Amino acid sequence: MSKKVVIDLEELERFLDYLNDKVFDGYKRETTRAVKDFLEDLKKRNRLSTDKHNSRY
């Protein structure tokens, strides 16, 4: 059974930035790119979800 989790995007971004700061410097560039890609994808999915929700009304 899957559960839905709701989190503020700014809070998630702060957490991922914090996590990124803890990563060994050798992996920092890849981690930074992965975090940015993840946030961009999350924002796109959020916009699509919002658009679908708005189109119902």
PDB file of N, CA and C in Angstrom:
ATOM      1  N   MET A   1       0.853  -1.173   0.000  1.00  0.00           N
ATOM      2  CA  MET A   1       0.000   0.000   0.000  1.00  0.00           C
ATOM      3  C   MET A   1       0.899   1.236   0.000  1.00  0.00           C
ATOM      4  N   SER A   2       0.686   2.104  -0.971  1.00  0.00           N
ATOM      5  CA  SER A   2       1.489   3.323  -1.028  1.00  0.00           C
ATOM      6  C   SER A   2       0.810   4.438  -0.246  1.00  0.00           C
ATOM      7  N   LYS A   3       1.636   5.334   0.259  1.00  0.00           N
ATOM      8  CA  LYS A   3       1.133   6.470   1.030  1.00  0.00           C
ATOM      9  C   LYS A   3       1.561   7.751   0.343  1.00  0.00           C
ATOM     10  N   LYS A   4       0.711   8.749   0.387  1.00  0.00           N
ATOM     11  CA  LYS A   4       1.017  10.042  -0.206  1.00  0.00           C
ATOM     12  C   LYS A   4       1.684  10.923   0.841  1.00  0.00           C
ATOM     13  N   VAL A   5       2.790  11.545   0.455  1.00  0.00           N
ATOM     14  CA  VAL A   5       3.519  12.446   1.340  1.00  0.00           C
ATOM     15  C   VAL A   5       3.466  13.840   0.730  1.00  0.00           C
ATOM     16  N   VAL A   6       3.102  14.815   1.543  1.00  0.00           N
ATOM     17  CA  VAL A   6       3.046  16.201   1.081  1.00  0.00           C
ATOM     18  C   VAL A   6       4.132  16.976   1.809  1.00  0.00           C
ATOM     19  N   ILE A   7       4.965  17.690   1.025  1.00  0.00           N
ATOM     20  CA  ILE A   7       6.044  18.470   1.625  1.00  0.00           C
ATOM     21  C   ILE A   7       6.177  19.779   0.853  1.00  0.00           C
ATOM     22  N   ASP A   8       6.453  20.823   1.553  1.00  0.00           N
ATOM     23  CA  ASP A   8       6.672  22.135   0.955  1.00  0.00           C
ATOM     24  C   ASP A   8       7.946  22.082   0.114  1.00  0.00           C
ATOM     25  N   LEU A   9       7.889  22.584  -1.118  1.00  0.00           N
ATOM     26  CA  LEU A   9       9.056  22.525  -2.002  1.00  0.00           C
ATOM     27  C   LEU A   9      10.248  23.283  -1.442  1.00  0.00           C
ATOM     28  N   GLU A  10      10.016  24.407  -0.787  1.00  0.00           N
ATOM     29  CA  GLU A  10      11.132  25.159  -0.201  1.00  0.00           C
ATOM     30  C   GLU A  10      11.779  24.374   0.932  1.00  0.00           C
ATOM     31  N   GLU A  11      10.972  23.694   1.726  1.00  0.00           N
ATOM     32  CA  GLU A  11      11.512  22.873   2.810  1.00  0.00           C
ATOM     33  C   GLU A  11      12.330  21.720   2.243  1.00  0.00           C
ATOM     34  N   LEU A  12      11.827  21.095   1.192  1.00  0.00           N
ATOM     35  CA  LEU A  12      12.560  20.013   0.545  1.00  0.00           C
ATOM     36  C   LEU A  12      13.869  20.527  -0.044  1.00  0.00           C
ATOM     37  N   GLU A  13      13.821  21.684  -0.672  1.00  0.00           N
ATOM     38  CA  GLU A  13      15.029  22.265  -1.255  1.00  0.00           C
ATOM     39  C   GLU A  13      16.070  22.558  -0.177  1.00  0.00           C
ATOM     40  N   ARG A  14      15.643  23.088   0.964  1.00  0.00           N
ATOM     41  CA  ARG A  14      16.580  23.350   2.073  1.00  0.00           C
ATOM     42  C   ARG A  14      17.202  22.047   2.565  1.00  0.00           C
ATOM     43  N   PHE A  15      16.385  21.000   2.689  1.00  0.00           N
ATOM     44  CA  PHE A  15      16.899  19.713   3.141  1.00  0.00           C
ATOM     45  C   PHE A  15      17.916  19.156   2.146  1.00  0.00           C
ATOM     46  N   LEU A  16      17.585  19.227   0.859  1.00  0.00           N
ATOM     47  CA  LEU A  16      18.507  18.703  -0.143  1.00  0.00           C
ATOM     48  C   LEU A  16      19.790  19.523  -0.208  1.00  0.00           C
ATOM     49  N   ASP A  17      19.698  20.820  -0.009  1.00  0.00           N
ATOM     50  CA  ASP A  17      20.906  21.652   0.062  1.00  0.00           C
ATOM     51  C   ASP A  17      21.756  21.260   1.267  1.00  0.00           C
ATOM     52  N   TYR A  18      21.102  21.027   2.398  1.00  0.00           N
ATOM     53  CA  TYR A  18      21.810  20.585   3.603  1.00  0.00           C
ATOM     54  C   TYR A  18      22.512  19.254   3.331  1.00  0.00           C
ATOM     55  N   LEU A  19      21.785  18.338   2.723  1.00  0.00           N
ATOM     56  CA  LEU A  19      22.346  17.031   2.415  1.00  0.00           C
ATOM     57  C   LEU A  19      23.519  17.168   1.446  1.00  0.00           C
ATOM     58  N   ASN A  20      23.358  18.021   0.467  1.00  0.00           N
ATOM     59  CA  ASN A  20      24.416  18.261  -0.509  1.00  0.00           C
ATOM     60  C   ASN A  20      25.677  18.786   0.170  1.00  0.00           C
ATOM     61  N   ASP A  21      25.521  19.643   1.169  1.00  0.00           N
ATOM     62  CA  ASP A  21      26.670  20.185   1.892  1.00  0.00           C
ATOM     63  C   ASP A  21      27.432  19.104   2.653  1.00  0.00           C
ATOM     64  N   LYS A  22      26.764  18.016   2.974  1.00  0.00           N
ATOM     65  CA  LYS A  22      27.397  16.943   3.729  1.00  0.00           C
ATOM     66  C   LYS A  22      28.143  15.944   2.845  1.00  0.00           C
ATOM     67  N   VAL A  23      27.948  16.040   1.545  1.00  0.00           N
ATOM     68  CA  VAL A  23      28.548  15.085   0.618  1.00  0.00           C
ATOM     69  C   VAL A  23      30.034  15.411   0.424  1.00  0.00           C
ATOM     70  N   PHE A  24      30.832  14.393   0.344  1.00  0.00           N
ATOM     71  CA  PHE A  24      32.265  14.539   0.100  1.00  0.00           C
ATOM     72  C   PHE A  24      32.496  15.402  -1.137  1.00  0.00           C
ATOM     73  N   ASP A  25      33.460  16.325  -1.045  1.00  0.00           N
ATOM     74  CA  ASP A  25      33.704  17.304  -2.111  1.00  0.00           C
ATOM     75  C   ASP A  25      33.939  16.668  -3.487  1.00  0.00           C
ATOM     76  N   GLY A  26      34.494  15.483  -3.521  1.00  0.00           N
ATOM     77  CA  GLY A  26      34.735  14.811  -4.801  1.00  0.00           C
ATOM     78  C   GLY A  26      33.461  14.515  -5.565  1.00  0.00           C
ATOM     79  N   TYR A  27      32.351  14.393  -4.842  1.00  0.00           N
ATOM     80  CA  TYR A  27      31.075  14.088  -5.470  1.00  0.00           C
ATOM     81  C   TYR A  27      30.153  15.301  -5.526  1.00  0.00           C
ATOM     82  N   LYS A  28      30.641  16.436  -5.091  1.00  0.00           N
ATOM     83  CA  LYS A  28      29.798  17.628  -4.955  1.00  0.00           C
ATOM     84  C   LYS A  28      29.160  18.054  -6.282  1.00  0.00           C
ATOM     85  N   ARG A  29      29.922  18.091  -7.343  1.00  0.00           N
ATOM     86  CA  ARG A  29      29.380  18.548  -8.625  1.00  0.00           C
ATOM     87  C   ARG A  29      28.239  17.641  -9.098  1.00  0.00           C
ATOM     88  N   GLU A  30      28.454  16.326  -9.045  1.00  0.00           N
ATOM     89  CA  GLU A  30      27.417  15.392  -9.478  1.00  0.00           C
ATOM     90  C   GLU A  30      26.186  15.474  -8.584  1.00  0.00           C
ATOM     91  N   THR A  31      26.422  15.618  -7.302  1.00  0.00           N
ATOM     92  CA  THR A  31      25.309  15.705  -6.358  1.00  0.00           C
ATOM     93  C   THR A  31      24.520  16.987  -6.574  1.00  0.00           C
ATOM     94  N   THR A  32      25.213  18.092  -6.782  1.00  0.00           N
ATOM     95  CA  THR A  32      24.541  19.367  -7.028  1.00  0.00           C
ATOM     96  C   THR A  32      23.666  19.262  -8.271  1.00  0.00           C
ATOM     97  N   ARG A  33      24.192  18.678  -9.327  1.00  0.00           N
ATOM     98  CA  ARG A  33      23.420  18.525 -10.569  1.00  0.00           C
ATOM     99  C   ARG A  33      22.211  17.617 -10.334  1.00  0.00           C
ATOM    100  N   ALA A  34      22.410  16.531  -9.603  1.00  0.00           N
ATOM    101  CA  ALA A  34      21.307  15.610  -9.329  1.00  0.00           C
ATOM    102  C   ALA A  34      20.213  16.291  -8.511  1.00  0.00           C
ATOM    103  N   VAL A  35      20.598  17.096  -7.534  1.00  0.00           N
ATOM    104  CA  VAL A  35      19.620  17.820  -6.711  1.00  0.00           C
ATOM    105  C   VAL A  35      18.849  18.808  -7.576  1.00  0.00           C
ATOM    106  N   LYS A  36      19.543  19.550  -8.422  1.00  0.00           N
ATOM    107  CA  LYS A  36      18.873  20.519  -9.297  1.00  0.00           C
ATOM    108  C   LYS A  36      17.922  19.819 -10.265  1.00  0.00           C
ATOM    109  N   ASP A  37      18.381  18.716 -10.856  1.00  0.00           N
ATOM    110  CA  ASP A  37      17.522  17.963 -11.772  1.00  0.00           C
ATOM    111  C   ASP A  37      16.282  17.441 -11.058  1.00  0.00           C
ATOM    112  N   PHE A  38      16.475  16.920  -9.854  1.00  0.00           N
ATOM    113  CA  PHE A  38      15.353  16.402  -9.076  1.00  0.00           C
ATOM    114  C   PHE A  38      14.341  17.504  -8.787  1.00  0.00           C
ATOM    115  N   LEU A  39      14.811  18.665  -8.357  1.00  0.00           N
ATOM    116  CA  LEU A  39      13.908  19.775  -8.038  1.00  0.00           C
ATOM    117  C   LEU A  39      13.178  20.280  -9.282  1.00  0.00           C
ATOM    118  N   GLU A  40      13.881  20.360 -10.407  1.00  0.00           N
ATOM    119  CA  GLU A  40      13.235  20.785 -11.648  1.00  0.00           C
ATOM    120  C   GLU A  40      12.144  19.801 -12.041  1.00  0.00           C
ATOM    121  N   ASP A  41      12.443  18.510 -11.954  1.00  0.00           N
ATOM    122  CA  ASP A  41      11.457  17.486 -12.290  1.00  0.00           C
ATOM    123  C   ASP A  41      10.262  17.550 -11.347  1.00  0.00           C
ATOM    124  N   LEU A  42      10.529  17.735 -10.071  1.00  0.00           N
ATOM    125  CA  LEU A  42       9.458  17.821  -9.081  1.00  0.00           C
ATOM    126  C   LEU A  42       8.565  19.027  -9.353  1.00  0.00           C
ATOM    127  N   LYS A  43       9.164  20.155  -9.685  1.00  0.00           N
ATOM    128  CA  LYS A  43       8.385  21.357  -9.990  1.00  0.00           C
ATOM    129  C   LYS A  43       7.547  21.156 -11.249  1.00  0.00           C
ATOM    130  N   LYS A  44       8.119  20.498 -12.278  1.00  0.00           N
ATOM    131  CA  LYS A  44       7.364  20.223 -13.503  1.00  0.00           C
ATOM    132  C   LYS A  44       6.174  19.322 -13.204  1.00  0.00           C
ATOM    133  N   ARG A  45       6.413  18.262 -12.441  1.00  0.00           N
ATOM    134  CA  ARG A  45       5.316  17.352 -12.100  1.00  0.00           C
ATOM    135  C   ARG A  45       4.266  18.067 -11.280  1.00  0.00           C
ATOM    136  N   ASN A  46       4.680  18.960 -10.399  1.00  0.00           N
ATOM    137  CA  ASN A  46       3.741  19.716  -9.580  1.00  0.00           C
ATOM    138  C   ASN A  46       2.892  20.626 -10.466  1.00  0.00           C
ATOM    139  N   ARG A  47       3.516  21.271 -11.447  1.00  0.00           N
ATOM    140  CA  ARG A  47       2.765  22.133 -12.369  1.00  0.00           C
ATOM    141  C   ARG A  47       1.781  21.311 -13.183  1.00  0.00           C
ATOM    142  N   LEU A  48       2.217  20.148 -13.670  1.00  0.00           N
ATOM    143  CA  LEU A  48       1.325  19.295 -14.445  1.00  0.00           C
ATOM    144  C   LEU A  48       0.154  18.836 -13.597  1.00  0.00           C
ATOM    145  N   SER A  49       0.442  18.468 -12.367  1.00  0.00           N
ATOM    146  CA  SER A  49      -0.615  18.032 -11.455  1.00  0.00           C
ATOM    147  C   SER A  49      -1.588  19.168 -11.195  1.00  0.00           C
ATOM    148  N   THR A  50      -1.077  20.368 -11.003  1.00  0.00           N
ATOM    149  CA  THR A  50      -1.921  21.536 -10.761  1.00  0.00           C
ATOM    150  C   THR A  50      -2.754  21.842 -11.998  1.00  0.00           C
ATOM    151  N   ASP A  51      -2.144  21.759 -13.180  1.00  0.00           N
ATOM    152  CA  ASP A  51      -2.871  22.012 -14.424  1.00  0.00           C
ATOM    153  C   ASP A  51      -3.997  21.007 -14.613  1.00  0.00           C
ATOM    154  N   LYS A  52      -3.725  19.734 -14.343  1.00  0.00           N
ATOM    155  CA  LYS A  52      -4.763  18.708 -14.471  1.00  0.00           C
ATOM    156  C   LYS A  52      -5.893  18.981 -13.497  1.00  0.00           C
ATOM    157  N   HIS A  53      -5.531  19.363 -12.278  1.00  0.00           N
ATOM    158  CA  HIS A  53      -6.544  19.646 -11.257  1.00  0.00           C
ATOM    159  C   HIS A  53      -7.395  20.839 -11.677  1.00  0.00           C
ATOM    160  N   ASN A  54      -6.777  21.881 -12.191  1.00  0.00           N
ATOM    161  CA  ASN A  54      -7.500  23.085 -12.604  1.00  0.00           C
ATOM    162  C   ASN A  54      -8.370  22.836 -13.826  1.00  0.00           C
ATOM    163  N   SER A  55      -7.986  21.918 -14.696  1.00  0.00           N
ATOM    164  CA  SER A  55      -8.753  21.678 -15.913  1.00  0.00           C
ATOM    165  C   SER A  55     -10.059  20.937 -15.628  1.00  0.00           C
ATOM    166  N   ARG A  56     -10.192  20.375 -14.463  1.00  0.00           N
ATOM    167  CA  ARG A  56     -11.427  19.672 -14.103  1.00  0.00           C
ATOM    168  C   ARG A  56     -12.566  20.634 -13.849  1.00  0.00           C
ATOM    169  N   TYR A  57     -12.251  21.876 -13.539  1.00  0.00           N
ATOM    170  CA  TYR A  57     -13.297  22.830 -13.150  1.00  0.00           C
ATOM    171  C   TYR A  57     -13.557  23.826 -14.192  1.00  0.00           C
TER     172      TYR A  57
END
